[in-house]
Amino acid sequence: MYNSVIRADDEVLVTPHLYGLKGYKAPLMLLRRVHDDGIFDNMTSHFDRVWAGATPMPAP
């Protein structure tokens, strides 16, 4: 499926959208950067890789 990811400095809010549930029922996780190579770094690296491969949508 997909995640909503909101980053602010060394914190990330992640909402994994779960199959069959409305968005308001999805969990919200607060990730804080505590050390190198933890969940925070893995999530932000994932986002950066997806963003780097994205292409703009053509104008209508």
PDB file of N, CA and C in Angstrom:
ATOM      1  N   MET A   1       0.833  -1.158   0.000  1.00  0.00           N
ATOM      2  CA  MET A   1       0.000   0.000   0.000  1.00  0.00           C
ATOM      3  C   MET A   1       0.896   1.246   0.000  1.00  0.00           C
ATOM      4  N   TYR A   2       0.685   2.147   0.917  1.00  0.00           N
ATOM      5  CA  TYR A   2       1.496   3.363   0.937  1.00  0.00           C
ATOM      6  C   TYR A   2       1.516   3.953   2.337  1.00  0.00           C
ATOM      7  N   ASN A   3       2.393   4.900   2.535  1.00  0.00           N
ATOM      8  CA  ASN A   3       2.535   5.603   3.807  1.00  0.00           C
ATOM      9  C   ASN A   3       2.442   7.096   3.564  1.00  0.00           C
ATOM     10  N   SER A   4       1.944   7.807   4.555  1.00  0.00           N
ATOM     11  CA  SER A   4       2.111   9.256   4.584  1.00  0.00           C
ATOM     12  C   SER A   4       3.318   9.511   5.469  1.00  0.00           C
ATOM     13  N   VAL A   5       4.251  10.320   4.980  1.00  0.00           N
ATOM     14  CA  VAL A   5       5.492  10.581   5.716  1.00  0.00           C
ATOM     15  C   VAL A   5       5.660  12.092   5.834  1.00  0.00           C
ATOM     16  N   ILE A   6       5.790  12.580   7.057  1.00  0.00           N
ATOM     17  CA  ILE A   6       6.000  14.002   7.312  1.00  0.00           C
ATOM     18  C   ILE A   6       7.252  14.125   8.165  1.00  0.00           C
ATOM     19  N   ARG A   7       8.254  14.842   7.642  1.00  0.00           N
ATOM     20  CA  ARG A   7       9.528  14.953   8.350  1.00  0.00           C
ATOM     21  C   ARG A   7       9.755  16.378   8.830  1.00  0.00           C
ATOM     22  N   ALA A   8      10.272  16.483  10.049  1.00  0.00           N
ATOM     23  CA  ALA A   8      10.677  17.773  10.617  1.00  0.00           C
ATOM     24  C   ALA A   8      11.938  17.527  11.429  1.00  0.00           C
ATOM     25  N   ASP A   9      13.065  17.954  10.893  1.00  0.00           N
ATOM     26  CA  ASP A   9      14.362  17.788  11.554  1.00  0.00           C
ATOM     27  C   ASP A   9      14.616  16.318  11.901  1.00  0.00           C
ATOM     28  N   ASP A  10      14.713  15.992  13.190  1.00  0.00           N
ATOM     29  CA  ASP A  10      15.028  14.619  13.600  1.00  0.00           C
ATOM     30  C   ASP A  10      13.801  13.843  14.068  1.00  0.00           C
ATOM     31  N   GLU A  11      12.637  14.223  13.551  1.00  0.00           N
ATOM     32  CA  GLU A  11      11.409  13.493  13.834  1.00  0.00           C
ATOM     33  C   GLU A  11      10.653  13.248  12.545  1.00  0.00           C
ATOM     34  N   VAL A  12       9.985  12.106  12.493  1.00  0.00           N
ATOM     35  CA  VAL A  12       9.173  11.756  11.336  1.00  0.00           C
ATOM     36  C   VAL A  12       7.834  11.223  11.836  1.00  0.00           C
ATOM     37  N   LEU A  13       6.751  11.709  11.241  1.00  0.00           N
ATOM     38  CA  LEU A  13       5.429  11.138  11.468  1.00  0.00           C
ATOM     39  C   LEU A  13       5.130  10.222  10.296  1.00  0.00           C
ATOM     40  N   VAL A  14       4.770   8.979  10.582  1.00  0.00           N
ATOM     41  CA  VAL A  14       4.478   7.999   9.536  1.00  0.00           C
ATOM     42  C   VAL A  14       3.096   7.414   9.801  1.00  0.00           C
ATOM     43  N   THR A  15       2.255   7.446   8.786  1.00  0.00           N
ATOM     44  CA  THR A  15       0.952   6.799   8.866  1.00  0.00           C
ATOM     45  C   THR A  15       0.909   5.712   7.804  1.00  0.00           C
ATOM     46  N   PRO A  16       1.064   4.450   8.210  1.00  0.00           N
ATOM     47  CA  PRO A  16       0.911   3.369   7.237  1.00  0.00           C
ATOM     48  C   PRO A  16      -0.577   3.134   6.988  1.00  0.00           C
ATOM     49  N   HIS A  17      -1.002   3.274   5.759  1.00  0.00           N
ATOM     50  CA  HIS A  17      -2.400   3.070   5.422  1.00  0.00           C
ATOM     51  C   HIS A  17      -2.648   1.573   5.296  1.00  0.00           C
ATOM     52  N   LEU A  18      -3.573   1.069   6.054  1.00  0.00           N
ATOM     53  CA  LEU A  18      -3.817  -0.361   6.159  1.00  0.00           C
ATOM     54  C   LEU A  18      -5.002  -0.766   5.291  1.00  0.00           C
ATOM     55  N   TYR A  19      -4.841  -1.868   4.602  1.00  0.00           N
ATOM     56  CA  TYR A  19      -5.854  -2.362   3.670  1.00  0.00           C
ATOM     57  C   TYR A  19      -7.208  -2.526   4.359  1.00  0.00           C
ATOM     58  N   GLY A  20      -8.224  -1.975   3.744  1.00  0.00           N
ATOM     59  CA  GLY A  20      -9.574  -2.145   4.235  1.00  0.00           C
ATOM     60  C   GLY A  20      -9.990  -1.182   5.333  1.00  0.00           C
ATOM     61  N   LEU A  21      -9.088  -0.320   5.779  1.00  0.00           N
ATOM     62  CA  LEU A  21      -9.428   0.632   6.830  1.00  0.00           C
ATOM     63  C   LEU A  21      -9.476   2.046   6.264  1.00  0.00           C
ATOM     64  N   LYS A  22     -10.359   2.847   6.796  1.00  0.00           N
ATOM     65  CA  LYS A  22     -10.399   4.260   6.437  1.00  0.00           C
ATOM     66  C   LYS A  22      -9.165   4.945   7.018  1.00  0.00           C
ATOM     67  N   GLY A  23      -8.736   6.025   6.401  1.00  0.00           N
ATOM     68  CA  GLY A  23      -7.522   6.722   6.814  1.00  0.00           C
ATOM     69  C   GLY A  23      -7.494   7.132   8.272  1.00  0.00           C
ATOM     70  N   TYR A  24      -8.633   7.543   8.812  1.00  0.00           N
ATOM     71  CA  TYR A  24      -8.655   7.994  10.198  1.00  0.00           C
ATOM     72  C   TYR A  24      -8.429   6.869  11.194  1.00  0.00           C
ATOM     73  N   LYS A  25      -8.534   5.611  10.742  1.00  0.00           N
ATOM     74  CA  LYS A  25      -8.287   4.470  11.630  1.00  0.00           C
ATOM     75  C   LYS A  25      -6.840   3.977  11.552  1.00  0.00           C
ATOM     76  N   ALA A  26      -6.053   4.549  10.655  1.00  0.00           N
ATOM     77  CA  ALA A  26      -4.658   4.124  10.496  1.00  0.00           C
ATOM     78  C   ALA A  26      -3.829   4.624  11.675  1.00  0.00           C
ATOM     79  N   PRO A  27      -2.835   3.843  12.081  1.00  0.00           N
ATOM     80  CA  PRO A  27      -1.983   4.295  13.184  1.00  0.00           C
ATOM     81  C   PRO A  27      -1.080   5.447  12.745  1.00  0.00           C
ATOM     82  N   LEU A  28      -0.681   6.237  13.711  1.00  0.00           N
ATOM     83  CA  LEU A  28       0.286   7.309  13.488  1.00  0.00           C
ATOM     84  C   LEU A  28       1.494   7.004  14.361  1.00  0.00           C
ATOM     85  N   MET A  29       2.654   6.906  13.726  1.00  0.00           N
ATOM     86  CA  MET A  29       3.874   6.596  14.471  1.00  0.00           C
ATOM     87  C   MET A  29       4.796   7.798  14.446  1.00  0.00           C
ATOM     88  N   LEU A  30       5.331   8.150  15.594  1.00  0.00           N
ATOM     89  CA  LEU A  30       6.329   9.201  15.711  1.00  0.00           C
ATOM     90  C   LEU A  30       7.687   8.529  15.836  1.00  0.00           C
ATOM     91  N   LEU A  31       8.559   8.783  14.870  1.00  0.00           N
ATOM     92  CA  LEU A  31       9.912   8.228  14.893  1.00  0.00           C
ATOM     93  C   LEU A  31      10.892   9.347  15.195  1.00  0.00           C
ATOM     94  N   ARG A  32      11.775   9.108  16.133  1.00  0.00           N
ATOM     95  CA  ARG A  32      12.819  10.080  16.467  1.00  0.00           C
ATOM     96  C   ARG A  32      14.172   9.463  16.150  1.00  0.00           C
ATOM     97  N   ARG A  33      15.081  10.304  15.656  1.00  0.00           N
ATOM     98  CA  ARG A  33      16.428   9.834  15.349  1.00  0.00           C
ATOM     99  C   ARG A  33      17.215   9.762  16.644  1.00  0.00           C
ATOM    100  N   VAL A  34      17.570   8.538  17.026  1.00  0.00           N
ATOM    101  CA  VAL A  34      18.302   8.306  18.267  1.00  0.00           C
ATOM    102  C   VAL A  34      19.750   7.918  17.971  1.00  0.00           C
ATOM    103  N   HIS A  35      19.950   7.125  16.911  1.00  0.00           N
ATOM    104  CA  HIS A  35      21.293   6.698  16.527  1.00  0.00           C
ATOM    105  C   HIS A  35      21.316   6.402  15.027  1.00  0.00           C
ATOM    106  N   ASP A  36      22.496   6.262  14.477  1.00  0.00           N
ATOM    107  CA  ASP A  36      22.656   5.967  13.053  1.00  0.00           C
ATOM    108  C   ASP A  36      22.089   4.589  12.725  1.00  0.00           C
ATOM    109  N   ASP A  37      21.528   4.475  11.535  1.00  0.00           N
ATOM    110  CA  ASP A  37      21.045   3.213  10.970  1.00  0.00           C
ATOM    111  C   ASP A  37      19.858   2.608  11.700  1.00  0.00           C
ATOM    112  N   GLY A  38      19.092   3.433  12.388  1.00  0.00           N
ATOM    113  CA  GLY A  38      17.884   2.950  13.049  1.00  0.00           C
ATOM    114  C   GLY A  38      16.677   3.084  12.141  1.00  0.00           C
ATOM    115  N   ILE A  39      15.512   2.923  12.716  1.00  0.00           N
ATOM    116  CA  ILE A  39      14.272   3.002  11.950  1.00  0.00           C
ATOM    117  C   ILE A  39      14.119   4.370  11.294  1.00  0.00           C
ATOM    118  N   PHE A  40      14.494   5.434  12.013  1.00  0.00           N
ATOM    119  CA  PHE A  40      14.391   6.779  11.450  1.00  0.00           C
ATOM    120  C   PHE A  40      15.200   6.889  10.157  1.00  0.00           C
ATOM    121  N   ASP A  41      16.459   6.479  10.193  1.00  0.00           N
ATOM    122  CA  ASP A  41      17.310   6.566   8.997  1.00  0.00           C
ATOM    123  C   ASP A  41      16.784   5.672   7.873  1.00  0.00           C
ATOM    124  N   ASN A  42      16.272   4.500   8.210  1.00  0.00           N
ATOM    125  CA  ASN A  42      15.719   3.617   7.181  1.00  0.00           C
ATOM    126  C   ASN A  42      14.501   4.251   6.516  1.00  0.00           C
ATOM    127  N   MET A  43      13.626   4.865   7.308  1.00  0.00           N
ATOM    128  CA  MET A  43      12.425   5.491   6.746  1.00  0.00           C
ATOM    129  C   MET A  43      12.787   6.692   5.880  1.00  0.00           C
ATOM    130  N   THR A  44      13.698   7.547   6.343  1.00  0.00           N
ATOM    131  CA  THR A  44      14.053   8.721   5.548  1.00  0.00           C
ATOM    132  C   THR A  44      14.842   8.334   4.299  1.00  0.00           C
ATOM    133  N   SER A  45      15.662   7.293   4.374  1.00  0.00           N
ATOM    134  CA  SER A  45      16.375   6.811   3.179  1.00  0.00           C
ATOM    135  C   SER A  45      15.391   6.280   2.150  1.00  0.00           C
ATOM    136  N   HIS A  46      14.394   5.555   2.618  1.00  0.00           N
ATOM    137  CA  HIS A  46      13.353   5.032   1.726  1.00  0.00           C
ATOM    138  C   HIS A  46      12.654   6.189   1.009  1.00  0.00           C
ATOM    139  N   PHE A  47      12.250   7.208   1.773  1.00  0.00           N
ATOM    140  CA  PHE A  47      11.576   8.363   1.191  1.00  0.00           C
ATOM    141  C   PHE A  47      12.476   9.059   0.168  1.00  0.00           C
ATOM    142  N   ASP A  48      13.751   9.267   0.526  1.00  0.00           N
ATOM    143  CA  ASP A  48      14.684   9.943  -0.381  1.00  0.00           C
ATOM    144  C   ASP A  48      14.862   9.171  -1.685  1.00  0.00           C
ATOM    145  N   ARG A  49      14.921   7.837  -1.623  1.00  0.00           N
ATOM    146  CA  ARG A  49      15.063   7.021  -2.843  1.00  0.00           C
ATOM    147  C   ARG A  49      13.818   7.126  -3.721  1.00  0.00           C
ATOM    148  N   VAL A  50      12.648   7.087  -3.105  1.00  0.00           N
ATOM    149  CA  VAL A  50      11.410   7.217  -3.877  1.00  0.00           C
ATOM    150  C   VAL A  50      11.345   8.599  -4.522  1.00  0.00           C
ATOM    151  N   TRP A  51      11.657   9.649  -3.756  1.00  0.00           N
ATOM    152  CA  TRP A  51      11.606  11.018  -4.268  1.00  0.00           C
ATOM    153  C   TRP A  51      12.596  11.206  -5.422  1.00  0.00           C
ATOM    154  N   ALA A  52      13.789  10.624  -5.298  1.00  0.00           N
ATOM    155  CA  ALA A  52      14.805  10.772  -6.355  1.00  0.00           C
ATOM    156  C   ALA A  52      14.365  10.136  -7.665  1.00  0.00           C
ATOM    157  N   GLY A  53      13.543   9.100  -7.595  1.00  0.00           N
ATOM    158  CA  GLY A  53      13.087   8.428  -8.797  1.00  0.00           C
ATOM    159  C   GLY A  53      11.789   8.970  -9.369  1.00  0.00           C
ATOM    160  N   ALA A  54      11.203   9.946  -8.677  1.00  0.00           N
ATOM    161  CA  ALA A  54       9.924  10.500  -9.111  1.00  0.00           C
ATOM    162  C   ALA A  54      10.107  11.430 -10.313  1.00  0.00           C
ATOM    163  N   THR A  55       9.094  11.519 -11.133  1.00  0.00           N
ATOM    164  CA  THR A  55       9.117  12.448 -12.252  1.00  0.00           C
ATOM    165  C   THR A  55       7.880  13.336 -12.164  1.00  0.00           C
ATOM    166  N   PRO A  56       7.993  14.587 -12.566  1.00  0.00           N
ATOM    167  CA  PRO A  56       6.840  15.482 -12.509  1.00  0.00           C
ATOM    168  C   PRO A  56       5.728  15.015 -13.453  1.00  0.00           C
ATOM    169  N   MET A  57       4.503  15.256 -13.045  1.00  0.00           N
ATOM    170  CA  MET A  57       3.373  14.968 -13.920  1.00  0.00           C
ATOM    171  C   MET A  57       3.293  16.062 -14.977  1.00  0.00           C
ATOM    172  N   PRO A  58       2.980  15.685 -16.196  1.00  0.00           N
ATOM    173  CA  PRO A  58       2.859  16.705 -17.233  1.00  0.00           C
ATOM    174  C   PRO A  58       1.648  17.609 -16.960  1.00  0.00           C
ATOM    175  N   ALA A  59       1.774  18.853 -17.366  1.00  0.00           N
ATOM    176  CA  ALA A  59       0.675  19.812 -17.197  1.00  0.00           C
ATOM    177  C   ALA A  59      -0.491  19.380 -18.069  1.00  0.00           C
ATOM    178  N   PRO A  60      -1.721  19.591 -17.593  1.00  0.00           N
ATOM    179  CA  PRO A  60      -2.908  19.195 -18.407  1.00  0.00           C
ATOM    180  C   PRO A  60      -3.072  20.008 -19.659  1.00  0.00           C
TER     181      PRO A  60
END
